[in-house]
Protein backbone atom coordinates (compact mmCIF):
# COMPACT_ATOMS: atom_id res chain seq x y z
CA MET A 1 89.41 88.13 80.11
CA TYR A 2 88.77 89.98 76.85
CA HIS A 3 90.30 93.30 77.79
CA TYR A 4 93.72 91.81 78.50
CA LEU A 5 93.99 90.63 74.91
CA ASN A 6 92.24 93.43 72.96
CA LYS A 7 94.75 95.97 71.65
CA GLU A 8 92.00 98.39 70.59
CA ASP A 9 90.54 98.24 74.12
CA TRP A 10 93.93 99.18 75.55
CA ILE A 11 95.44 101.61 73.05
CA GLY A 12 92.89 102.71 70.42
CA ASP A 13 93.84 106.08 68.94
CA GLY A 14 97.03 106.64 70.94
CA LYS A 15 97.21 110.44 70.49
CA ASN A 16 93.60 111.18 71.35
CA ASN A 17 93.65 108.89 74.40
CA LEU A 18 96.93 110.47 75.61
CA PHE A 19 95.49 113.97 75.37
CA ALA A 20 92.23 112.86 76.98
CA GLY A 21 94.12 111.41 79.94
CA LEU A 22 95.98 114.68 80.48
CA VAL A 23 92.73 116.67 80.47
CA SER A 24 90.87 114.29 82.80
CA ALA A 25 93.78 114.33 85.27
CA VAL A 26 93.62 118.13 85.49
CA ALA A 27 89.79 118.08 85.63
CA ILE A 28 89.98 115.84 88.68
CA LEU A 29 92.07 118.31 90.70
CA PRO A 30 89.52 120.91 91.90
CA GLU A 31 86.74 118.47 92.93
CA VAL A 32 89.11 116.07 94.73
CA ILE A 33 90.97 118.87 96.55
CA GLY A 34 87.83 120.80 97.43
CA PHE A 35 85.91 117.85 98.81
CA SER A 36 88.91 116.38 100.60
CA ILE A 37 89.21 119.63 102.56
CA LEU A 38 85.48 119.49 103.30
CA ALA A 39 85.80 115.93 104.55
CA GLY A 40 88.95 116.61 106.59
CA VAL A 41 91.42 114.61 104.47
CA HIS A 42 94.78 115.98 103.33
CA PRO A 43 94.51 116.94 99.58
CA PHE A 44 97.68 115.07 98.74
CA THR A 45 96.21 111.86 100.25
CA SER A 46 92.99 112.20 98.20
CA LEU A 47 94.88 112.91 94.96
CA PHE A 48 97.18 109.98 95.53
CA ALA A 49 94.12 107.79 96.24
CA SER A 50 92.58 109.04 93.02
CA ALA A 51 95.66 108.07 91.05
CA ILE A 52 95.64 104.57 92.59
CA THR A 53 91.92 104.22 91.83
CA LEU A 54 92.41 105.26 88.21
CA LEU A 55 95.24 102.80 87.69
CA VAL A 56 93.49 99.87 89.35
CA ILE A 57 90.25 100.49 87.44
CA THR A 58 92.30 100.76 84.21
CA LEU A 59 93.95 97.41 84.81
CA THR A 60 90.96 95.42 86.12
CA GLY A 61 87.76 97.36 85.24
CA GLY A 62 85.09 96.58 82.72
CA ARG A 63 84.43 100.02 81.20
CA PRO A 64 87.36 101.53 79.29
CA ALA A 65 87.64 105.39 79.50
CA MET A 66 85.46 105.72 82.62
CA VAL A 67 87.12 107.98 85.17
CA SER A 68 86.96 106.96 88.83
CA ALA A 69 88.55 108.81 91.72
CA ALA A 70 87.95 110.18 95.24
CA ALA A 71 84.59 111.69 94.27
CA GLY A 72 82.79 114.41 96.16
CA SER A 73 79.70 112.22 96.70
CA MET A 74 81.85 109.78 98.72
CA ALA A 75 83.53 112.60 100.63
CA LEU A 76 80.13 113.88 101.84
CA VAL A 77 79.43 110.47 103.34
CA MET A 78 82.84 110.26 105.03
CA ALA A 79 82.89 113.73 106.53
CA PRO A 80 80.74 113.00 109.63
CA LEU A 81 82.73 109.79 110.34
CA ILE A 82 86.03 111.64 110.17
CA LYS A 83 84.76 114.53 112.31
CA GLU A 84 83.47 112.24 115.04
CA HIS A 85 86.03 109.38 115.06
CA GLY A 86 89.08 110.45 113.09
CA LEU A 87 90.91 109.49 109.88
CA ASN A 88 91.80 105.95 110.99
CA TYR A 89 88.09 105.01 111.18
CA MET A 90 87.63 106.50 107.70
CA ILE A 91 90.45 104.23 106.44
CA ALA A 92 88.82 101.18 108.10
CA ALA A 93 85.46 102.14 106.51
CA THR A 94 87.17 102.42 103.11
CA LEU A 95 88.61 98.95 103.46
CA LEU A 96 85.25 97.50 104.45
CA THR A 97 83.63 99.34 101.50
CA GLY A 98 86.05 97.70 99.12
CA VAL A 99 85.35 94.26 100.56
CA LEU A 100 81.54 94.79 100.35
CA GLN A 101 81.82 95.97 96.75
CA LEU A 102 83.98 93.00 95.80
CA ILE A 103 81.44 90.61 97.33
CA LEU A 104 78.51 92.37 95.60
CA GLY A 105 80.43 92.16 92.30
CA TYR A 106 80.53 88.38 92.57
CA LEU A 107 76.83 88.40 93.59
CA ASN A 108 75.95 90.13 90.30
CA VAL A 109 74.59 93.31 91.89
CA HIS A 110 75.12 95.04 88.50
CA LYS A 111 72.00 93.29 87.18
CA LEU A 112 69.83 95.58 89.35
CA ILE A 113 70.52 98.39 86.88
CA GLN A 114 68.10 96.84 84.38
CA TYR A 115 65.21 97.48 86.76
CA ILE A 116 65.69 101.25 86.70
CA PRO A 117 63.17 102.90 84.33
CA LYS A 118 64.43 105.26 81.68
CA THR A 119 62.57 108.18 83.34
CA VAL A 120 64.61 107.68 86.52
CA MET A 121 67.81 107.36 84.48
CA TYR A 122 67.01 110.72 82.92
CA GLY A 123 66.58 112.10 86.43
CA PHE A 124 69.93 110.74 87.60
CA VAL A 125 71.86 112.13 84.63
CA ASN A 126 70.15 115.54 84.69
CA ALA A 127 70.53 115.84 88.48
CA LEU A 128 74.28 115.17 88.17
CA ALA A 129 74.53 117.77 85.38
CA ILE A 130 72.82 120.28 87.65
CA LEU A 131 75.02 119.39 90.60
CA ILE A 132 78.18 119.76 88.47
CA PHE A 133 77.04 123.21 87.26
CA MET A 134 75.99 124.33 90.77
CA SER A 135 79.29 123.26 92.28
CA GLN A 136 81.07 125.49 89.77
CA VAL A 137 78.76 128.49 90.27
CA GLN A 138 79.15 128.24 94.06
CA GLN A 139 82.89 128.99 93.64
CA LEU A 140 82.27 132.35 91.95
CA PRO A 141 80.70 134.67 94.56
CA GLY A 142 83.26 137.15 95.89
CA LYS A 143 85.67 136.65 92.97
CA ASN A 144 87.03 139.60 90.96
CA MET A 145 86.30 140.62 87.36
CA THR A 146 89.45 138.88 86.10
CA THR A 147 88.06 135.57 87.29
CA TYR A 148 84.68 136.16 85.68
CA LEU A 149 86.31 137.13 82.37
CA MET A 150 88.48 133.97 82.39
CA VAL A 151 85.49 131.74 83.12
CA ALA A 152 83.51 133.39 80.33
CA ALA A 153 86.42 133.17 77.91
CA THR A 154 86.87 129.50 78.74
CA VAL A 155 83.21 128.67 78.07
CA ILE A 156 83.32 130.47 74.72
CA LEU A 157 86.59 128.77 73.71
CA MET A 158 85.19 125.35 74.66
CA PHE A 159 82.55 125.77 71.95
CA PHE A 160 84.71 127.72 69.48
CA ILE A 161 88.00 125.74 69.36
CA PRO A 162 86.42 122.53 67.99
CA ARG A 163 85.33 124.61 64.94
CA LEU A 164 88.99 125.38 64.28
CA THR A 165 90.68 122.10 65.13
CA THR A 166 89.92 118.72 66.62
CA ALA A 167 93.57 117.62 66.66
CA VAL A 168 93.90 118.51 70.32
CA PRO A 169 91.10 118.54 72.95
CA PRO A 170 89.89 122.12 73.51
CA ALA A 171 90.09 121.68 77.31
CA LEU A 172 93.86 120.91 77.06
CA ILE A 173 94.49 123.97 74.84
CA ILE A 174 92.51 126.15 77.27
CA ILE A 175 94.32 124.85 80.38
CA ILE A 176 97.71 125.58 78.83
CA LEU A 177 96.64 128.95 77.47
CA MET A 178 94.94 130.13 80.68
CA THR A 179 97.83 129.00 82.85
CA ILE A 180 100.16 131.15 80.74
CA VAL A 181 97.73 134.08 80.91
CA SER A 182 97.47 133.72 84.71
CA PHE A 183 101.16 134.70 85.08
CA ALA A 184 100.21 138.19 83.91
CA PHE A 185 97.60 138.44 86.66
CA LYS A 186 99.53 137.23 89.67
CA GLY A 187 97.45 137.65 92.81
CA SER A 188 94.23 138.30 90.84
CA LEU A 189 93.33 134.70 90.13
CA GLN A 190 92.79 131.70 92.40
CA LEU A 191 95.16 128.85 91.56
CA VAL A 192 94.93 125.14 92.28
CA GLY A 193 97.60 125.62 94.93
CA ASP A 194 95.34 128.05 96.78
CA LEU A 195 92.67 125.39 97.38
CA GLY A 196 94.57 123.73 100.20
CA ASP A 197 97.85 122.50 101.62
CA MET A 198 99.65 120.65 98.81
CA SER A 199 102.74 119.62 100.81
CA SER A 200 104.03 116.20 99.77
CA MET A 201 103.63 113.09 101.92
CA MET A 202 105.19 109.69 101.51
CA PRO A 203 102.41 107.07 101.18
CA SER A 204 102.96 103.67 102.72
CA LEU A 205 100.99 100.43 102.98
CA ALA A 206 99.53 99.85 106.43
CA LEU A 207 96.37 98.78 108.26
CA PRO A 208 94.44 101.49 110.13
CA SER A 209 95.24 102.04 113.78
CA VAL A 210 91.84 101.09 115.16
CA PRO A 211 91.00 98.53 117.84
CA MET A 212 89.80 95.24 116.38
CA THR A 213 86.61 95.14 118.41
CA LEU A 214 82.85 94.82 117.83
CA GLU A 215 82.52 98.47 118.78
CA THR A 216 84.81 99.50 115.94
CA LEU A 217 82.79 97.38 113.54
CA MET A 218 79.54 99.01 114.68
CA ILE A 219 81.08 102.44 114.02
CA ILE A 220 82.36 101.71 110.50
CA VAL A 221 79.54 99.45 109.14
CA PRO A 222 76.89 102.16 108.56
CA PRO A 223 79.17 104.55 106.65
CA ALA A 224 80.73 101.63 104.75
CA ILE A 225 77.28 100.48 103.62
CA ALA A 226 76.43 104.06 102.59
CA LEU A 227 79.72 104.40 100.71
CA THR A 228 79.10 101.04 99.00
CA LEU A 229 75.61 102.06 97.82
CA VAL A 230 76.62 105.59 96.72
CA GLY A 231 79.73 104.31 94.95
CA LEU A 232 78.00 101.48 93.10
CA THR A 233 74.99 103.64 92.22
CA GLU A 234 77.09 106.35 90.70
CA SER A 235 79.37 103.93 88.88
CA LEU A 236 76.68 101.60 87.54
CA LEU A 237 74.63 104.54 86.26
CA THR A 238 77.67 106.19 84.68
CA ILE A 239 78.56 103.05 82.75
CA PRO A 240 75.60 103.19 80.31
CA ILE A 241 76.26 106.92 79.75
CA VAL A 242 79.83 106.17 78.64
CA ASP A 243 78.61 103.11 76.71
CA LYS A 244 76.25 105.42 74.74
CA MET A 245 78.82 108.18 74.20
CA THR A 246 81.48 105.74 72.93
CA ASP A 247 79.05 103.37 71.18
CA SER A 248 80.87 100.43 72.73
CA PRO A 249 80.03 97.61 75.17
CA SER A 250 81.13 97.22 78.79
CA ASN A 251 81.33 94.62 81.56
CA PRO A 252 79.53 96.14 84.61
CA LYS A 253 80.20 93.11 86.78
CA GLN A 254 83.91 93.48 86.27
CA GLU A 255 83.67 97.23 86.95
CA VAL A 256 81.99 96.58 90.33
CA LYS A 257 84.71 94.09 91.32
CA ALA A 258 87.40 96.48 90.13
CA GLN A 259 85.98 99.30 92.25
CA GLY A 260 86.09 97.00 95.25
CA LEU A 261 89.74 96.11 94.57
CA ALA A 262 90.61 99.79 94.11
CA ASN A 263 89.06 100.81 97.41
CA ILE A 264 90.83 97.97 99.29
CA LEU A 265 94.21 99.09 97.92
CA VAL A 266 93.38 102.80 98.53
CA GLY A 267 92.40 101.95 102.12
CA LEU A 268 95.71 100.14 102.64
CA PHE A 269 97.46 103.36 101.53
CA GLY A 270 95.39 105.37 104.00
CA GLY A 271 93.19 107.09 101.40
CA PRO A 272 89.42 107.76 101.06
CA ALA A 273 87.06 105.52 99.03
CA GLY A 274 86.29 106.52 95.43
CA CYS A 275 83.85 105.83 92.64
CA ALA A 276 83.02 106.98 89.08
CA MET A 277 83.04 110.71 88.41
CA ILE A 278 80.48 111.42 85.74
CA GLY A 279 81.73 114.92 84.89
CA GLN A 280 85.33 113.84 84.51
CA ALA A 281 84.24 110.72 82.57
CA VAL A 282 82.27 112.94 80.14
CA ILE A 283 85.21 115.27 79.63
CA ASN A 284 87.52 112.30 79.12
CA VAL A 285 85.29 110.93 76.36
CA LYS A 286 84.63 114.39 74.85
CA SER A 287 88.43 114.89 74.72
CA GLY A 288 88.90 111.68 72.73
CA GLY A 289 89.21 109.08 75.46
CA ARG A 290 88.03 105.65 74.29
CA SER A 291 90.53 103.12 75.62
CA ARG A 292 92.22 102.21 78.86
CA LEU A 293 95.19 104.29 77.79
CA SER A 294 93.24 107.48 78.61
CA THR A 295 92.62 106.55 82.28
CA PHE A 296 96.09 105.03 82.59
CA VAL A 297 97.59 108.32 81.46
CA GLY A 298 95.23 110.17 83.84
CA GLY A 299 96.48 108.13 86.79
CA VAL A 300 100.14 108.42 85.87
CA THR A 301 99.75 112.20 85.27
CA LEU A 302 98.33 112.65 88.76
CA LEU A 303 101.36 110.83 90.19
CA ILE A 304 103.73 112.99 88.12
CA PHE A 305 101.92 116.14 89.34
CA LEU A 306 102.21 114.99 92.96
CA PHE A 307 105.88 113.87 92.97
CA ILE A 308 107.58 115.72 90.07
CA LEU A 309 105.56 118.64 88.67
CA LYS A 310 103.77 119.90 91.72
CA ASN A 311 104.89 123.49 91.04
CA LEU A 312 103.17 123.34 87.64
CA MET A 313 100.00 121.81 89.02
CA VAL A 314 99.55 124.47 91.70
CA ASP A 315 99.79 127.27 89.10
CA ILE A 316 96.71 126.13 87.09
CA PRO A 317 93.97 128.79 87.47
CA THR A 318 90.75 127.40 88.90
CA ALA A 319 88.71 129.82 86.72
CA ALA A 320 89.70 127.82 83.63
CA LEU A 321 88.65 124.57 85.28
CA ILE A 322 85.31 126.13 86.40
CA GLY A 323 84.52 127.17 82.82
CA ILE A 324 85.46 123.74 81.45
CA MET A 325 83.25 121.95 83.98
CA MET A 326 80.34 124.26 83.23
CA VAL A 327 80.47 123.08 79.61
CA VAL A 328 80.76 119.47 80.82
CA ALA A 329 77.58 119.99 82.82
CA TYR A 330 75.85 121.19 79.65
CA ASP A 331 77.16 118.15 77.72
CA THR A 332 76.04 115.80 80.51
CA PHE A 333 72.43 117.01 80.57
CA ASP A 334 70.24 114.61 78.56
CA PHE A 335 68.14 116.90 76.38
CA GLU A 336 66.27 113.84 75.04
CA SER A 337 64.40 113.91 78.37
CA LEU A 338 62.69 117.14 77.28
CA LYS A 339 60.63 115.06 74.84
CA LEU A 340 58.48 114.21 77.85
CA ILE A 341 57.19 117.77 77.65
CA THR A 342 56.50 117.84 73.91
CA GLU A 343 54.87 114.38 74.09
CA LYS A 344 52.81 115.53 77.12
CA ARG A 345 53.82 112.55 79.27
CA TRP A 346 53.05 114.47 82.46
CA THR A 347 53.28 111.52 84.93
CA GLU A 348 56.80 110.63 83.78
CA LEU A 349 57.81 114.29 83.70
CA ALA A 350 56.64 114.66 87.33
CA ILE A 351 58.69 111.62 88.36
CA LEU A 352 61.70 112.97 86.46
CA ILE A 353 61.45 116.37 88.20
CA LEU A 354 60.93 114.80 91.64
CA THR A 355 63.98 112.48 91.12
CA ILE A 356 66.12 115.45 90.12
CA GLY A 357 64.83 117.51 93.09
CA ILE A 358 65.61 114.77 95.65
CA ILE A 359 69.13 114.16 94.35
CA VAL A 360 69.98 117.87 94.03
CA LYS A 361 68.56 118.66 97.51
CA THR A 362 70.09 115.72 99.39
CA HIS A 363 73.12 114.90 97.21
CA ASN A 364 72.03 111.31 97.90
CA LEU A 365 72.02 109.40 94.60
CA ALA A 366 70.77 106.15 96.06
CA LEU A 367 67.83 107.80 97.83
CA GLY A 368 66.76 109.67 94.68
CA MET A 369 66.96 106.55 92.54
CA ILE A 370 65.03 104.37 95.03
CA ILE A 371 62.22 106.89 95.39
CA GLY A 372 62.11 107.39 91.61
CA VAL A 373 61.78 103.66 90.99
CA ILE A 374 58.99 103.31 93.65
CA LEU A 375 57.12 106.24 92.09
CA CYS A 376 57.38 104.60 88.64
CA VAL A 377 55.94 101.35 89.97
CA VAL A 378 53.05 103.12 91.66
CA ALA A 379 52.39 105.33 88.59
CA TYR A 380 52.36 102.40 86.20
CA LYS A 381 50.10 100.38 88.45
CA LEU A 382 47.65 103.21 88.89
CA LYS A 383 47.70 104.44 85.32
CA LEU A 384 47.86 101.21 83.38
CA LYS A 385 46.12 97.87 83.42
CA ASN A 386 47.97 94.66 83.94
CA LEU A 387 48.96 92.38 81.10
CA ARG A 388 46.04 90.50 79.57
CA PHE A 389 46.37 87.04 78.01
CA GLU A 390 43.80 85.94 75.43
CA THR A 391 43.63 82.68 73.47
CA LYS A 392 41.47 82.30 70.37
CA ASN A 393 41.75 79.77 67.48
CA GLY A 394 45.17 78.65 68.72
CA VAL A 395 46.60 82.21 68.84
CA HIS A 396 47.88 83.52 72.16
CA THR A 397 47.56 87.30 72.21
CA ILE A 398 49.28 89.30 74.96
CA LYS A 399 48.11 92.87 75.50
CA GLY A 400 48.99 95.74 77.79
CA PRO A 401 52.05 97.50 79.27
CA LEU A 402 55.32 95.66 79.71
CA PHE A 403 57.74 97.23 82.20
CA PHE A 404 60.11 96.07 84.91
CA ALA A 405 57.31 95.23 87.31
CA SER A 406 55.23 93.14 84.83
CA ARG A 407 57.97 91.21 82.98
CA HIS A 408 57.70 88.31 85.43
CA ASP A 409 54.04 87.69 84.44
CA LEU A 410 55.00 87.53 80.76
CA THR A 411 57.93 85.13 81.22
CA ASN A 412 55.84 82.84 83.45
CA TYR A 413 53.05 82.68 80.88
CA ILE A 414 55.43 81.88 78.07
CA GLU A 415 57.12 79.12 80.03
CA GLN A 416 53.97 77.52 81.44
CA VAL A 417 51.58 77.79 78.46
CA VAL A 418 53.18 78.67 75.16
CA LEU A 419 56.22 76.42 75.30
CA THR A 420 54.08 73.37 75.96
CA GLU A 421 52.34 73.42 72.57
CA ALA A 422 52.69 74.30 68.90
CA THR A 423 51.04 77.66 68.52
CA THR A 424 51.11 81.27 67.41
CA ILE A 425 51.94 84.00 69.90
CA ASP A 426 50.98 87.57 69.12
CA LEU A 427 53.15 90.21 70.81
CA SER A 428 52.02 93.06 68.56
CA GLN A 429 49.73 94.58 71.19
CA LEU A 430 52.39 94.78 73.93
CA ILE A 431 53.42 98.32 74.99
CA ILE A 432 57.09 98.30 75.98
CA LEU A 433 57.87 100.97 78.57
CA ASP A 434 61.52 100.45 79.55
CA GLU A 435 64.88 99.15 78.39
CA ALA A 436 64.73 95.97 80.50
CA SER A 437 61.44 94.98 78.83
CA THR A 438 62.99 95.40 75.38
CA LYS A 439 65.64 92.85 76.37
CA THR A 440 62.93 90.56 77.78
CA VAL A 441 60.99 90.52 74.51
CA THR A 442 64.22 89.90 72.57
CA ASN A 443 65.06 86.92 74.84
CA ILE A 444 61.54 85.54 74.53
CA SER A 445 61.61 85.81 70.72
CA GLN A 446 64.86 83.89 70.66
CA GLN A 447 63.44 81.31 73.07
CA LEU A 448 60.37 80.81 70.81
CA ASN A 449 62.43 80.45 67.68
CA ARG A 450 61.64 76.74 67.22
CA PRO A 451 59.59 74.57 64.85
CA GLY A 452 55.83 74.79 65.46
CA ILE A 453 55.81 78.24 67.09
CA LYS A 454 55.09 81.40 65.16
CA VAL A 455 55.77 84.81 66.71
CA ILE A 456 54.09 88.05 65.69
CA PRO A 457 56.58 90.66 66.98
CA THR A 458 55.80 93.73 69.03
CA ALA A 459 55.69 97.06 67.26
CA SER A 460 54.81 99.37 70.14
CA VAL A 461 57.62 101.03 72.12
CA GLU A 462 56.86 104.07 74.29
C-alpha cells in the first residue's frame, strides 16, 4: 500500500509534525477525560484507548494527520449502555463496532459520502464548530476572574503569536507558558488533574466478561450499530476537511477499515470505541501536522503522559485548553457557507440552518446528515425540473439540474443512446449542483473521448 513506502507521507517536515503531535495530544485531554466521566468510564482507560486508536490509525489509516480518539460523540452513545448494563457490555459493544466497521470498509461504505450535498456538508462542519465552541463555554460558568483572564489571554495569543513566529505552533507555546503561569495561582485555576481520577491502571488484553448468549447480542447490537454510524459519519466527513486543509489526497476506504481495527484492539484492552475528532484534527493541521508522524507522536505522547509524566499532565490549566479550542472552533467554521446569504439561495440556506439545528440539538450527526440529505432531494425535486434530453441534427443536448439524485438518468442516457452512434453531445446547458455530479461529468467526458464523438463541455456550476 502506498503509505508504507512514501517517506513524505510518514515524515514530511519532521519538526512541524513533531510539534503538532505534542499539541494534539494535549488538546485531546479535556474532551476525552470529560466525556469519559460522563459515560462512566475511568479517564485513564479512555486516554489509553485514545493512544491505541491514534497509533493504529497512524499505522493502517488512509488519511495522514487526522486525529482519532475516544470522542465525546461516541461517549454519549455509550453512556446509557454503561449505566444500564455495566462496563463489560460497553467493551463487547466496542468489539462489535470494530467488526461492523471493518466489514463496512470492505463493502466500500465510504462511497456514500459522494451523495451528500455540499449544503449538508456545510451544515455538518458548522454544527461541529458550534458544538466545539459551546462545549468550551459550558465549562466557564462559576469560574473565577483568573480563569476568564487566562481564557481571554489564550485566545488573543492564538491570533497574535503567528504574527511573531511560525517556528513553533502557538498552541504549544501557550500550553507551556500558561502551565508555568498557573503555578503562581495555585488553587485559583482548574487543572487537568481536577477533571477526574487520574490514578494509573495496568491495561491487559482480555475478552469482556459477558455471557455468550443471544440475550447479550440483543443488548449490544443497537448501541454497536449507533456507534458504527456515528463513528463512520464523523470520520468520513472529517476526511475531506483535512484533505482540503492539507491540499492532499486520502484513502477513505482504508480509513474506515483502520477505524474498525482500532476499535477491535481498543475493545480487547477494555476501552471505549473511538472515531475522528474534528477539533483536534484541525488543531493538528493548524499546528503543522501533515504526515503520520504527527499522529504517531500524539499517540506516544499520551502514553508518556499516562505512564511517565502524569504529574506534568495533571498540572496543565484547563483555561488554556478552553481558549485554544475556542479558536479551533472559529477555524473549523466554514465561512464560505455564508455565500448562500449574499447569493440569496434561501432554500439551501434553510436546509443548512435546519441541519445545524438538528445536530446541535440532538448531538446526533447521523440523524442531522440523513434529514439534511432528504430535504435536499425534496427541495431539488420541487424547485427544479428533471433533466431534459433533446436531439436535433445529430446533436444530443442535455439540459437541467444535475445533482446526486439525477445522475443516474444522465449515465443511463449516455450508455444507451450516445455510445451507440457517432454524434455530438452538448453538456453546456447542464447545471451542476454538487461535488458528486462534477465527478460524474468528468467521468462521462473521459468515457466519450473516442473517435466520432464530440463533446461540448458544461460551463454552469452552481
